[in-house]
Amino acid sequence: MIVENRRITFSAAALREAVKLYRDLYPQKQPMGTLGRIWLRNQSPVLLEVSIQSAGATQFREVQMGESEVGGMLILYCRQMKIPLPRHCTKAIEGHGENIVLTVAKSMPVEHRAAG
């Protein structure tokens, strides 16, 4: 068997762009408004906190994104940025400081050939 492993690290700036893209494509998932601070609240399982200030509001409101939602958002951002991801692979995310790491692993069986 051959196993391919890749780690894709998203900096704070890349994570912010991923959140913006996600909000643009799925406005029903988060309230509309000005995007504020984004931070990693929990490393494992990943929990992302997003501050949003609604129009006319004076304070920001925090919206949490769970691990599966963050994973879907990162995959969507990879597609937008033309970062190839195998369709049939295992995917995992983890916090690493202020960054989030998307790990993809694909296993490929090796065919045995008869000697001859």
PDB file of N, CA and C in Angstrom:
ATOM      1  N   MET A   1       0.841  -1.178   0.000  1.00  0.00           N
ATOM      2  CA  MET A   1       0.000   0.000   0.000  1.00  0.00           C
ATOM      3  C   MET A   1       0.886   1.242   0.000  1.00  0.00           C
ATOM      4  N   ILE A   2       0.440   2.231  -0.687  1.00  0.00           N
ATOM      5  CA  ILE A   2       1.113   3.527  -0.712  1.00  0.00           C
ATOM      6  C   ILE A   2       0.172   4.528  -0.047  1.00  0.00           C
ATOM      7  N   VAL A   3       0.722   5.340   0.841  1.00  0.00           N
ATOM      8  CA  VAL A   3      -0.080   6.349   1.524  1.00  0.00           C
ATOM      9  C   VAL A   3       0.524   7.722   1.259  1.00  0.00           C
ATOM     10  N   GLU A   4      -0.301   8.608   0.761  1.00  0.00           N
ATOM     11  CA  GLU A   4       0.114   9.995   0.532  1.00  0.00           C
ATOM     12  C   GLU A   4      -0.463  10.844   1.658  1.00  0.00           C
ATOM     13  N   ASN A   5       0.371  11.616   2.320  1.00  0.00           N
ATOM     14  CA  ASN A   5      -0.056  12.538   3.373  1.00  0.00           C
ATOM     15  C   ASN A   5       0.348  13.952   2.996  1.00  0.00           C
ATOM     16  N   ARG A   6      -0.583  14.879   3.162  1.00  0.00           N
ATOM     17  CA  ARG A   6      -0.266  16.292   2.944  1.00  0.00           C
ATOM     18  C   ARG A   6      -0.847  17.100   4.084  1.00  0.00           C
ATOM     19  N   ARG A   7      -0.104  18.131   4.471  1.00  0.00           N
ATOM     20  CA  ARG A   7      -0.569  19.075   5.488  1.00  0.00           C
ATOM     21  C   ARG A   7      -0.643  20.453   4.849  1.00  0.00           C
ATOM     22  N   ILE A   8      -1.800  21.042   4.905  1.00  0.00           N
ATOM     23  CA  ILE A   8      -2.016  22.370   4.342  1.00  0.00           C
ATOM     24  C   ILE A   8      -2.283  23.304   5.523  1.00  0.00           C
ATOM     25  N   THR A   9      -1.390  24.257   5.722  1.00  0.00           N
ATOM     26  CA  THR A   9      -1.493  25.159   6.862  1.00  0.00           C
ATOM     27  C   THR A   9      -2.120  26.477   6.418  1.00  0.00           C
ATOM     28  N   PHE A  10      -3.145  26.894   7.137  1.00  0.00           N
ATOM     29  CA  PHE A  10      -3.847  28.146   6.863  1.00  0.00           C
ATOM     30  C   PHE A  10      -3.434  29.167   7.914  1.00  0.00           C
ATOM     31  N   SER A  11      -2.795  30.242   7.464  1.00  0.00           N
ATOM     32  CA  SER A  11      -2.409  31.325   8.375  1.00  0.00           C
ATOM     33  C   SER A  11      -3.666  32.073   8.800  1.00  0.00           C
ATOM     34  N   ALA A  12      -3.503  33.001   9.722  1.00  0.00           N
ATOM     35  CA  ALA A  12      -4.634  33.816  10.171  1.00  0.00           C
ATOM     36  C   ALA A  12      -5.244  34.583   8.993  1.00  0.00           C
ATOM     37  N   ALA A  13      -4.404  35.103   8.096  1.00  0.00           N
ATOM     38  CA  ALA A  13      -4.908  35.852   6.931  1.00  0.00           C
ATOM     39  C   ALA A  13      -5.675  34.931   5.978  1.00  0.00           C
ATOM     40  N   ALA A  14      -5.155  33.727   5.735  1.00  0.00           N
ATOM     41  CA  ALA A  14      -5.838  32.778   4.854  1.00  0.00           C
ATOM     42  C   ALA A  14      -7.152  32.320   5.486  1.00  0.00           C
ATOM     43  N   LEU A  15      -7.146  32.133   6.789  1.00  0.00           N
ATOM     44  CA  LEU A  15      -8.357  31.733   7.490  1.00  0.00           C
ATOM     45  C   LEU A  15      -9.426  32.817   7.379  1.00  0.00           C
ATOM     46  N   ARG A  16      -9.005  34.069   7.485  1.00  0.00           N
ATOM     47  CA  ARG A  16      -9.941  35.192   7.340  1.00  0.00           C
ATOM     48  C   ARG A  16     -10.563  35.196   5.940  1.00  0.00           C
ATOM     49  N   GLU A  17      -9.745  34.961   4.915  1.00  0.00           N
ATOM     50  CA  GLU A  17     -10.255  34.909   3.541  1.00  0.00           C
ATOM     51  C   GLU A  17     -11.213  33.730   3.356  1.00  0.00           C
ATOM     52  N   ALA A  18     -10.916  32.608   4.002  1.00  0.00           N
ATOM     53  CA  ALA A  18     -11.796  31.436   3.931  1.00  0.00           C
ATOM     54  C   ALA A  18     -13.150  31.746   4.569  1.00  0.00           C
ATOM     55  N   VAL A  19     -13.136  32.442   5.712  1.00  0.00           N
ATOM     56  CA  VAL A  19     -14.389  32.821   6.372  1.00  0.00           C
ATOM     57  C   VAL A  19     -15.181  33.771   5.484  1.00  0.00           C
ATOM     58  N   LYS A  20     -14.519  34.735   4.852  1.00  0.00           N
ATOM     59  CA  LYS A  20     -15.207  35.676   3.953  1.00  0.00           C
ATOM     60  C   LYS A  20     -15.871  34.941   2.793  1.00  0.00           C
ATOM     61  N   LEU A  21     -15.145  34.016   2.181  1.00  0.00           N
ATOM     62  CA  LEU A  21     -15.699  33.240   1.074  1.00  0.00           C
ATOM     63  C   LEU A  21     -16.907  32.436   1.545  1.00  0.00           C
ATOM     64  N   TYR A  22     -16.782  31.784   2.676  1.00  0.00           N
ATOM     65  CA  TYR A  22     -17.865  30.980   3.233  1.00  0.00           C
ATOM     66  C   TYR A  22     -19.097  31.844   3.500  1.00  0.00           C
ATOM     67  N   ARG A  23     -18.892  33.021   4.068  1.00  0.00           N
ATOM     68  CA  ARG A  23     -20.011  33.935   4.348  1.00  0.00           C
ATOM     69  C   ARG A  23     -20.675  34.411   3.063  1.00  0.00           C
ATOM     70  N   ASP A  24     -19.858  34.673   2.018  1.00  0.00           N
ATOM     71  CA  ASP A  24     -20.417  35.121   0.745  1.00  0.00           C
ATOM     72  C   ASP A  24     -21.270  34.037   0.080  1.00  0.00           C
ATOM     73  N   LEU A  25     -20.789  32.797   0.137  1.00  0.00           N
ATOM     74  CA  LEU A  25     -21.487  31.700  -0.532  1.00  0.00           C
ATOM     75  C   LEU A  25     -22.645  31.134   0.287  1.00  0.00           C
ATOM     76  N   TYR A  26     -22.567  31.240   1.610  1.00  0.00           N
ATOM     77  CA  TYR A  26     -23.605  30.700   2.496  1.00  0.00           C
ATOM     78  C   TYR A  26     -24.043  31.747   3.512  1.00  0.00           C
ATOM     79  N   PRO A  27     -24.733  32.810   3.056  1.00  0.00           N
ATOM     80  CA  PRO A  27     -25.112  33.889   3.981  1.00  0.00           C
ATOM     81  C   PRO A  27     -26.081  33.437   5.077  1.00  0.00           C
ATOM     82  N   GLN A  28     -26.770  32.329   4.877  1.00  0.00           N
ATOM     83  CA  GLN A  28     -27.698  31.845   5.889  1.00  0.00           C
ATOM     84  C   GLN A  28     -26.987  31.198   7.085  1.00  0.00           C
ATOM     85  N   LYS A  29     -25.695  30.910   6.949  1.00  0.00           N
ATOM     86  CA  LYS A  29     -24.951  30.232   8.016  1.00  0.00           C
ATOM     87  C   LYS A  29     -24.486  31.184   9.121  1.00  0.00           C
ATOM     88  N   GLN A  30     -24.305  32.457   8.791  1.00  0.00           N
ATOM     89  CA  GLN A  30     -23.845  33.432   9.776  1.00  0.00           C
ATOM     90  C   GLN A  30     -24.610  34.737   9.568  1.00  0.00           C
ATOM     91  N   PRO A  31     -24.768  35.523  10.642  1.00  0.00           N
ATOM     92  CA  PRO A  31     -25.462  36.808  10.480  1.00  0.00           C
ATOM     93  C   PRO A  31     -24.648  37.760   9.600  1.00  0.00           C
ATOM     94  N   MET A  32     -25.345  38.608   8.891  1.00  0.00           N
ATOM     95  CA  MET A  32     -24.689  39.610   8.048  1.00  0.00           C
ATOM     96  C   MET A  32     -24.076  40.676   8.943  1.00  0.00           C
ATOM     97  N   GLY A  33     -23.053  41.344   8.426  1.00  0.00           N
ATOM     98  CA  GLY A  33     -22.427  42.420   9.173  1.00  0.00           C
ATOM     99  C   GLY A  33     -20.936  42.459   8.939  1.00  0.00           C
ATOM    100  N   THR A  34     -20.298  43.333   9.668  1.00  0.00           N
ATOM    101  CA  THR A  34     -18.861  43.530   9.563  1.00  0.00           C
ATOM    102  C   THR A  34     -18.126  42.402  10.274  1.00  0.00           C
ATOM    103  N   LEU A  35     -17.173  41.820   9.576  1.00  0.00           N
ATOM    104  CA  LEU A  35     -16.384  40.738  10.134  1.00  0.00           C
ATOM    105  C   LEU A  35     -15.315  41.319  11.049  1.00  0.00           C
ATOM    106  N   GLY A  36     -15.269  40.846  12.265  1.00  0.00           N
ATOM    107  CA  GLY A  36     -14.275  41.308  13.236  1.00  0.00           C
ATOM    108  C   GLY A  36     -13.189  40.272  13.440  1.00  0.00           C
ATOM    109  N   ARG A  37     -12.861  40.060  14.670  1.00  0.00           N
ATOM    110  CA  ARG A  37     -11.786  39.141  15.055  1.00  0.00           C
ATOM    111  C   ARG A  37     -12.200  37.693  14.797  1.00  0.00           C
ATOM    112  N   ILE A  38     -11.232  36.889  14.362  1.00  0.00           N
ATOM    113  CA  ILE A  38     -11.423  35.451  14.168  1.00  0.00           C
ATOM    114  C   ILE A  38     -10.323  34.767  14.956  1.00  0.00           C
ATOM    115  N   TRP A  39     -10.686  33.824  15.815  1.00  0.00           N
ATOM    116  CA  TRP A  39      -9.651  33.137  16.578  1.00  0.00           C
ATOM    117  C   TRP A  39     -10.051  31.694  16.843  1.00  0.00           C
ATOM    118  N   LEU A  40      -9.021  30.930  17.073  1.00  0.00           N
ATOM    119  CA  LEU A  40      -9.167  29.521  17.364  1.00  0.00           C
ATOM    120  C   LEU A  40      -9.447  29.379  18.849  1.00  0.00           C
ATOM    121  N   ARG A  41     -10.640  28.955  19.178  1.00  0.00           N
ATOM    122  CA  ARG A  41     -11.013  28.827  20.587  1.00  0.00           C
ATOM    123  C   ARG A  41     -10.538  27.503  21.172  1.00  0.00           C
ATOM    124  N   ASN A  42     -10.544  26.464  20.366  1.00  0.00           N
ATOM    125  CA  ASN A  42     -10.140  25.152  20.849  1.00  0.00           C
ATOM    126  C   ASN A  42      -9.320  24.468  19.758  1.00  0.00           C
ATOM    127  N   GLN A  43      -8.243  23.815  20.145  1.00  0.00           N
ATOM    128  CA  GLN A  43      -7.333  23.193  19.187  1.00  0.00           C
ATOM    129  C   GLN A  43      -7.820  21.816  18.725  1.00  0.00           C
ATOM    130  N   SER A  44      -8.403  21.016  19.624  1.00  0.00           N
ATOM    131  CA  SER A  44      -8.842  19.681  19.241  1.00  0.00           C
ATOM    132  C   SER A  44      -9.979  19.236  20.153  1.00  0.00           C
ATOM    133  N   PRO A  45     -11.179  19.084  19.679  1.00  0.00           N
ATOM    134  CA  PRO A  45     -11.597  19.366  18.314  1.00  0.00           C
ATOM    135  C   PRO A  45     -11.586  20.873  18.058  1.00  0.00           C
ATOM    136  N   VAL A  46     -11.367  21.214  16.810  1.00  0.00           N
ATOM    137  CA  VAL A  46     -11.254  22.626  16.423  1.00  0.00           C
ATOM    138  C   VAL A  46     -12.590  23.336  16.648  1.00  0.00           C
ATOM    139  N   LEU A  47     -12.506  24.499  17.262  1.00  0.00           N
ATOM    140  CA  LEU A  47     -13.659  25.373  17.450  1.00  0.00           C
ATOM    141  C   LEU A  47     -13.198  26.782  17.103  1.00  0.00           C
ATOM    142  N   LEU A  48     -13.833  27.364  16.122  1.00  0.00           N
ATOM    143  CA  LEU A  48     -13.453  28.690  15.636  1.00  0.00           C
ATOM    144  C   LEU A  48     -14.483  29.700  16.111  1.00  0.00           C
ATOM    145  N   GLU A  49     -14.007  30.835  16.585  1.00  0.00           N
ATOM    146  CA  GLU A  49     -14.874  31.913  17.050  1.00  0.00           C
ATOM    147  C   GLU A  49     -14.764  33.069  16.057  1.00  0.00           C
ATOM    148  N   VAL A  50     -15.909  33.564  15.590  1.00  0.00           N
ATOM    149  CA  VAL A  50     -15.956  34.651  14.608  1.00  0.00           C
ATOM    150  C   VAL A  50     -16.783  35.784  15.202  1.00  0.00           C
ATOM    151  N   SER A  51     -16.217  36.991  15.237  1.00  0.00           N
ATOM    152  CA  SER A  51     -16.938  38.172  15.723  1.00  0.00           C
ATOM    153  C   SER A  51     -17.574  38.888  14.550  1.00  0.00           C
ATOM    154  N   ILE A  52     -18.847  39.222  14.709  1.00  0.00           N
ATOM    155  CA  ILE A  52     -19.596  39.905  13.645  1.00  0.00           C
ATOM    156  C   ILE A  52     -20.365  41.058  14.273  1.00  0.00           C
ATOM    157  N   GLN A  53     -20.277  42.218  13.614  1.00  0.00           N
ATOM    158  CA  GLN A  53     -21.026  43.383  14.063  1.00  0.00           C
ATOM    159  C   GLN A  53     -22.134  43.649  13.055  1.00  0.00           C
ATOM    160  N   SER A  54     -23.367  43.466  13.485  1.00  0.00           N
ATOM    161  CA  SER A  54     -24.516  43.687  12.606  1.00  0.00           C
ATOM    162  C   SER A  54     -24.659  45.174  12.304  1.00  0.00           C
ATOM    163  N   ALA A  55     -25.275  45.481  11.175  1.00  0.00           N
ATOM    164  CA  ALA A  55     -25.495  46.878  10.786  1.00  0.00           C
ATOM    165  C   ALA A  55     -26.289  47.592  11.881  1.00  0.00           C
ATOM    166  N   GLY A  56     -25.803  48.733  12.315  1.00  0.00           N
ATOM    167  CA  GLY A  56     -26.467  49.527  13.337  1.00  0.00           C
ATOM    168  C   GLY A  56     -26.139  49.114  14.761  1.00  0.00           C
ATOM    169  N   ALA A  57     -25.484  47.985  14.938  1.00  0.00           N
ATOM    170  CA  ALA A  57     -25.133  47.517  16.284  1.00  0.00           C
ATOM    171  C   ALA A  57     -23.866  48.222  16.764  1.00  0.00           C
ATOM    172  N   THR A  58     -23.714  48.325  18.067  1.00  0.00           N
ATOM    173  CA  THR A  58     -22.525  48.965  18.628  1.00  0.00           C
ATOM    174  C   THR A  58     -21.499  47.951  19.114  1.00  0.00           C
ATOM    175  N   GLN A  59     -21.927  46.702  19.258  1.00  0.00           N
ATOM    176  CA  GLN A  59     -21.007  45.677  19.737  1.00  0.00           C
ATOM    177  C   GLN A  59     -20.954  44.495  18.768  1.00  0.00           C
ATOM    178  N   PHE A  60     -19.870  43.767  18.870  1.00  0.00           N
ATOM    179  CA  PHE A  60     -19.717  42.557  18.070  1.00  0.00           C
ATOM    180  C   PHE A  60     -20.391  41.397  18.778  1.00  0.00           C
ATOM    181  N   ARG A  61     -20.828  40.454  17.997  1.00  0.00           N
ATOM    182  CA  ARG A  61     -21.435  39.231  18.512  1.00  0.00           C
ATOM    183  C   ARG A  61     -20.575  38.061  18.047  1.00  0.00           C
ATOM    184  N   GLU A  62     -20.393  37.083  18.907  1.00  0.00           N
ATOM    185  CA  GLU A  62     -19.546  35.936  18.559  1.00  0.00           C
ATOM    186  C   GLU A  62     -20.398  34.787  18.020  1.00  0.00           C
ATOM    187  N   VAL A  63     -19.902  34.211  16.936  1.00  0.00           N
ATOM    188  CA  VAL A  63     -20.524  33.044  16.326  1.00  0.00           C
ATOM    189  C   VAL A  63     -19.475  31.942  16.328  1.00  0.00           C
ATOM    190  N   GLN A  64     -19.866  30.754  16.777  1.00  0.00           N
ATOM    191  CA  GLN A  64     -18.923  29.638  16.815  1.00  0.00           C
ATOM    192  C   GLN A  64     -19.119  28.747  15.599  1.00  0.00           C
ATOM    193  N   MET A  65     -17.996  28.241  15.101  1.00  0.00           N
ATOM    194  CA  MET A  65     -17.996  27.283  14.002  1.00  0.00           C
ATOM    195  C   MET A  65     -17.340  26.006  14.516  1.00  0.00           C
ATOM    196  N   GLY A  66     -18.083  24.901  14.454  1.00  0.00           N
ATOM    197  CA  GLY A  66     -17.559  23.618  14.903  1.00  0.00           C
ATOM    198  C   GLY A  66     -16.623  22.993  13.887  1.00  0.00           C
ATOM    199  N   GLU A  67     -16.038  21.899  14.276  1.00  0.00           N
ATOM    200  CA  GLU A  67     -15.015  21.235  13.472  1.00  0.00           C
ATOM    201  C   GLU A  67     -15.499  20.850  12.075  1.00  0.00           C
ATOM    202  N   SER A  68     -16.681  20.280  11.950  1.00  0.00           N
ATOM    203  CA  SER A  68     -17.143  19.861  10.625  1.00  0.00           C
ATOM    204  C   SER A  68     -17.419  21.064   9.725  1.00  0.00           C
ATOM    205  N   GLU A  69     -17.943  22.137  10.286  1.00  0.00           N
ATOM    206  CA  GLU A  69     -18.206  23.343   9.504  1.00  0.00           C
ATOM    207  C   GLU A  69     -16.891  24.005   9.062  1.00  0.00           C
ATOM    208  N   VAL A  70     -15.917  24.052   9.958  1.00  0.00           N
ATOM    209  CA  VAL A  70     -14.606  24.617   9.614  1.00  0.00           C
ATOM    210  C   VAL A  70     -13.942  23.766   8.538  1.00  0.00           C
ATOM    211  N   GLY A  71     -14.028  22.444   8.670  1.00  0.00           N
ATOM    212  CA  GLY A  71     -13.450  21.550   7.661  1.00  0.00           C
ATOM    213  C   GLY A  71     -14.058  21.779   6.291  1.00  0.00           C
ATOM    214  N   GLY A  72     -15.386  21.872   6.238  1.00  0.00           N
ATOM    215  CA  GLY A  72     -16.059  22.148   4.963  1.00  0.00           C
ATOM    216  C   GLY A  72     -15.653  23.490   4.383  1.00  0.00           C
ATOM    217  N   MET A  73     -15.503  24.490   5.247  1.00  0.00           N
ATOM    218  CA  MET A  73     -15.094  25.821   4.806  1.00  0.00           C
ATOM    219  C   MET A  73     -13.684  25.786   4.212  1.00  0.00           C
ATOM    220  N   LEU A  74     -12.768  25.056   4.853  1.00  0.00           N
ATOM    221  CA  LEU A  74     -11.398  24.971   4.356  1.00  0.00           C
ATOM    222  C   LEU A  74     -11.337  24.240   3.013  1.00  0.00           C
ATOM    223  N   ILE A  75     -12.118  23.196   2.859  1.00  0.00           N
ATOM    224  CA  ILE A  75     -12.164  22.463   1.588  1.00  0.00           C
ATOM    225  C   ILE A  75     -12.713  23.369   0.488  1.00  0.00           C
ATOM    226  N   LEU A  76     -13.755  24.122   0.801  1.00  0.00           N
ATOM    227  CA  LEU A  76     -14.327  25.079  -0.153  1.00  0.00           C
ATOM    228  C   LEU A  76     -13.276  26.111  -0.564  1.00  0.00           C
ATOM    229  N   TYR A  77     -12.515  26.614   0.396  1.00  0.00           N
ATOM    230  CA  TYR A  77     -11.481  27.609   0.103  1.00  0.00           C
ATOM    231  C   TYR A  77     -10.362  27.004  -0.752  1.00  0.00           C
ATOM    232  N   CYS A  78      -9.983  25.762  -0.469  1.00  0.00           N
ATOM    233  CA  CYS A  78      -8.973  25.082  -1.293  1.00  0.00           C
ATOM    234  C   CYS A  78      -9.442  24.980  -2.743  1.00  0.00           C
ATOM    235  N   ARG A  79     -10.692  24.629  -2.936  1.00  0.00           N
ATOM    236  CA  ARG A  79     -11.236  24.546  -4.309  1.00  0.00           C
ATOM    237  C   ARG A  79     -11.178  25.910  -4.993  1.00  0.00           C
ATOM    238  N   GLN A  80     -11.543  26.948  -4.267  1.00  0.00           N
ATOM    239  CA  GLN A  80     -11.528  28.308  -4.814  1.00  0.00           C
ATOM    240  C   GLN A  80     -10.110  28.728  -5.201  1.00  0.00           C
ATOM    241  N   MET A  81      -9.127  28.316  -4.398  1.00  0.00           N
ATOM    242  CA  MET A  81      -7.733  28.687  -4.633  1.00  0.00           C
ATOM    243  C   MET A  81      -7.015  27.705  -5.565  1.00  0.00           C
ATOM    244  N   LYS A  82      -7.757  26.713  -6.079  1.00  0.00           N
ATOM    245  CA  LYS A  82      -7.201  25.710  -7.014  1.00  0.00           C
ATOM    246  C   LYS A  82      -6.126  24.840  -6.358  1.00  0.00           C
ATOM    247  N   ILE A  83      -6.301  24.559  -5.065  1.00  0.00           N
ATOM    248  CA  ILE A  83      -5.426  23.631  -4.359  1.00  0.00           C
ATOM    249  C   ILE A  83      -6.045  22.249  -4.509  1.00  0.00           C
ATOM    250  N   PRO A  84      -5.388  21.349  -5.208  1.00  0.00           N
ATOM    251  CA  PRO A  84      -6.013  20.046  -5.464  1.00  0.00           C
ATOM    252  C   PRO A  84      -6.130  19.190  -4.201  1.00  0.00           C
ATOM    253  N   LEU A  85      -7.316  18.635  -4.016  1.00  0.00           N
ATOM    254  CA  LEU A  85      -7.567  17.713  -2.920  1.00  0.00           C
ATOM    255  C   LEU A  85      -8.189  16.450  -3.509  1.00  0.00           C
ATOM    256  N   PRO A  86      -7.662  15.280  -3.164  1.00  0.00           N
ATOM    257  CA  PRO A  86      -8.289  14.053  -3.651  1.00  0.00           C
ATOM    258  C   PRO A  86      -9.703  13.936  -3.095  1.00  0.00           C
ATOM    259  N   ARG A  87     -10.608  13.489  -3.936  1.00  0.00           N
ATOM    260  CA  ARG A  87     -11.998  13.339  -3.507  1.00  0.00           C
ATOM    261  C   ARG A  87     -12.138  12.240  -2.452  1.00  0.00           C
ATOM    262  N   HIS A  88     -11.488  11.129  -2.701  1.00  0.00           N
ATOM    263  CA  HIS A  88     -11.594   9.982  -1.802  1.00  0.00           C
ATOM    264  C   HIS A  88     -10.340   9.881  -0.945  1.00  0.00           C
ATOM    265  N   CYS A  89     -10.376  10.571   0.175  1.00  0.00           N
ATOM    266  CA  CYS A  89      -9.253  10.544   1.110  1.00  0.00           C
ATOM    267  C   CYS A  89      -9.792  10.862   2.494  1.00  0.00           C
ATOM    268  N   THR A  90      -8.977  10.622   3.487  1.00  0.00           N
ATOM    269  CA  THR A  90      -9.375  11.024   4.831  1.00  0.00           C
ATOM    270  C   THR A  90      -8.879  12.450   5.054  1.00  0.00           C
ATOM    271  N   LYS A  91      -9.697  13.222   5.733  1.00  0.00           N
ATOM    272  CA  LYS A  91      -9.361  14.613   6.005  1.00  0.00           C
ATOM    273  C   LYS A  91      -9.501  14.854   7.503  1.00  0.00           C
ATOM    274  N   ALA A  92      -8.586  15.624   8.043  1.00  0.00           N
ATOM    275  CA  ALA A  92      -8.632  15.979   9.465  1.00  0.00           C
ATOM    276  C   ALA A  92      -8.130  17.405   9.620  1.00  0.00           C
ATOM    277  N   ILE A  93      -8.625  18.095  10.632  1.00  0.00           N
ATOM    278  CA  ILE A  93      -8.135  19.445  10.913  1.00  0.00           C
ATOM    279  C   ILE A  93      -7.695  19.514  12.368  1.00  0.00           C
ATOM    280  N   GLU A  94      -6.725  20.388  12.600  1.00  0.00           N
ATOM    281  CA  GLU A  94      -6.233  20.604  13.953  1.00  0.00           C
ATOM    282  C   GLU A  94      -5.700  22.022  14.054  1.00  0.00           C
ATOM    283  N   GLY A  95      -5.749  22.539  15.252  1.00  0.00           N
ATOM    284  CA  GLY A  95      -5.172  23.843  15.506  1.00  0.00           C
ATOM    285  C   GLY A  95      -3.685  23.715  15.736  1.00  0.00           C
ATOM    286  N   HIS A  96      -2.964  24.714  15.286  1.00  0.00           N
ATOM    287  CA  HIS A  96      -1.513  24.747  15.496  1.00  0.00           C
ATOM    288  C   HIS A  96      -1.147  26.204  15.749  1.00  0.00           C
ATOM    289  N   GLY A  97      -1.165  26.594  17.000  1.00  0.00           N
ATOM    290  CA  GLY A  97      -0.960  28.012  17.333  1.00  0.00           C
ATOM    291  C   GLY A  97      -2.164  28.809  16.859  1.00  0.00           C
ATOM    292  N   GLU A  98      -1.919  29.839  16.064  1.00  0.00           N
ATOM    293  CA  GLU A  98      -3.010  30.627  15.489  1.00  0.00           C
ATOM    294  C   GLU A  98      -3.440  30.086  14.134  1.00  0.00           C
ATOM    295  N   ASN A  99      -2.770  29.060  13.665  1.00  0.00           N
ATOM    296  CA  ASN A  99      -3.050  28.485  12.358  1.00  0.00           C
ATOM    297  C   ASN A  99      -3.946  27.255  12.487  1.00  0.00           C
ATOM    298  N   ILE A 100      -4.574  26.915  11.380  1.00  0.00           N
ATOM    299  CA  ILE A 100      -5.325  25.666  11.296  1.00  0.00           C
ATOM    300  C   ILE A 100      -4.678  24.831  10.208  1.00  0.00           C
ATOM    301  N   VAL A 101      -4.501  23.548  10.486  1.00  0.00           N
ATOM    302  CA  VAL A 101      -3.866  22.631   9.547  1.00  0.00           C
ATOM    303  C   VAL A 101      -4.902  21.623   9.057  1.00  0.00           C
ATOM    304  N   LEU A 102      -5.028  21.522   7.742  1.00  0.00           N
ATOM    305  CA  LEU A 102      -5.868  20.512   7.107  1.00  0.00           C
ATOM    306  C   LEU A 102      -4.940  19.403   6.639  1.00  0.00           C
ATOM    307  N   THR A 103      -5.160  18.201   7.145  1.00  0.00           N
ATOM    308  CA  THR A 103      -4.350  17.049   6.762  1.00  0.00           C
ATOM    309  C   THR A 103      -5.199  16.143   5.881  1.00  0.00           C
ATOM    310  N   VAL A 104      -4.657  15.793   4.722  1.00  0.00           N
ATOM    311  CA  VAL A 104      -5.338  14.856   3.828  1.00  0.00           C
ATOM    312  C   VAL A 104      -4.435  13.645   3.640  1.00  0.00           C
ATOM    313  N   ALA A 105      -5.043  12.476   3.669  1.00  0.00           N
ATOM    314  CA  ALA A 105      -4.295  11.234   3.488  1.00  0.00           C
ATOM    315  C   ALA A 105      -5.063  10.342   2.523  1.00  0.00           C
ATOM    316  N   LYS A 106      -4.351   9.830   1.558  1.00  0.00           N
ATOM    317  CA  LYS A 106      -4.959   8.942   0.574  1.00  0.00           C
ATOM    318  C   LYS A 106      -4.158   7.657   0.528  1.00  0.00           C
ATOM    319  N   SER A 107      -4.861   6.532   0.653  1.00  0.00           N
ATOM    320  CA  SER A 107      -4.233   5.221   0.585  1.00  0.00           C
ATOM    321  C   SER A 107      -4.510   4.607  -0.769  1.00  0.00           C
ATOM    322  N   MET A 108      -3.458   4.027  -1.366  1.00  0.00           N
ATOM    323  CA  MET A 108      -3.596   3.387  -2.668  1.00  0.00           C
ATOM    324  C   MET A 108      -3.042   1.973  -2.572  1.00  0.00           C
ATOM    325  N   PRO A 109      -3.862   0.970  -2.874  1.00  0.00           N
ATOM    326  CA  PRO A 109      -3.349  -0.412  -2.825  1.00  0.00           C
ATOM    327  C   PRO A 109      -2.328  -0.642  -3.944  1.00  0.00           C
ATOM    328  N   VAL A 110      -1.434  -1.545  -3.676  1.00  0.00           N
ATOM    329  CA  VAL A 110      -0.415  -1.910  -4.655  1.00  0.00           C
ATOM    330  C   VAL A 110      -0.840  -3.250  -5.274  1.00  0.00           C
ATOM    331  N   GLU A 111      -0.820  -3.305  -6.584  1.00  0.00           N
ATOM    332  CA  GLU A 111      -1.189  -4.538  -7.282  1.00  0.00           C
ATOM    333  C   GLU A 111       0.011  -5.467  -7.294  1.00  0.00           C
ATOM    334  N   HIS A 112      -0.235  -6.710  -6.983  1.00  0.00           N
ATOM    335  CA  HIS A 112       0.816  -7.729  -7.021  1.00  0.00           C
ATOM    336  C   HIS A 112       0.822  -8.344  -8.407  1.00  0.00           C
ATOM    337  N   ARG A 113       1.983  -8.381  -8.994  1.00  0.00           N
ATOM    338  CA  ARG A 113       2.129  -8.974 -10.328  1.00  0.00           C
ATOM    339  C   ARG A 113       2.791 -10.334 -10.212  1.00  0.00           C
ATOM    340  N   ALA A 114       2.277 -11.256 -10.961  1.00  0.00           N
ATOM    341  CA  ALA A 114       2.868 -12.594 -10.961  1.00  0.00           C
ATOM    342  C   ALA A 114       4.201 -12.563 -11.694  1.00  0.00           C
ATOM    343  N   ALA A 115       5.168 -13.300 -11.164  1.00  0.00           N
ATOM    344  CA  ALA A 115       6.479 -13.371 -11.807  1.00  0.00           C
ATOM    345  C   ALA A 115       6.358 -14.221 -13.076  1.00  0.00           C
ATOM    346  N   GLY A 116       7.025 -13.829 -14.072  1.00  0.00           N
ATOM    347  CA  GLY A 116       6.888 -14.663 -15.257  1.00  0.00           C
ATOM    348  C   GLY A 116       7.679 -14.319 -16.389  1.00  0.00           C
TER     349      GLY A 116
END
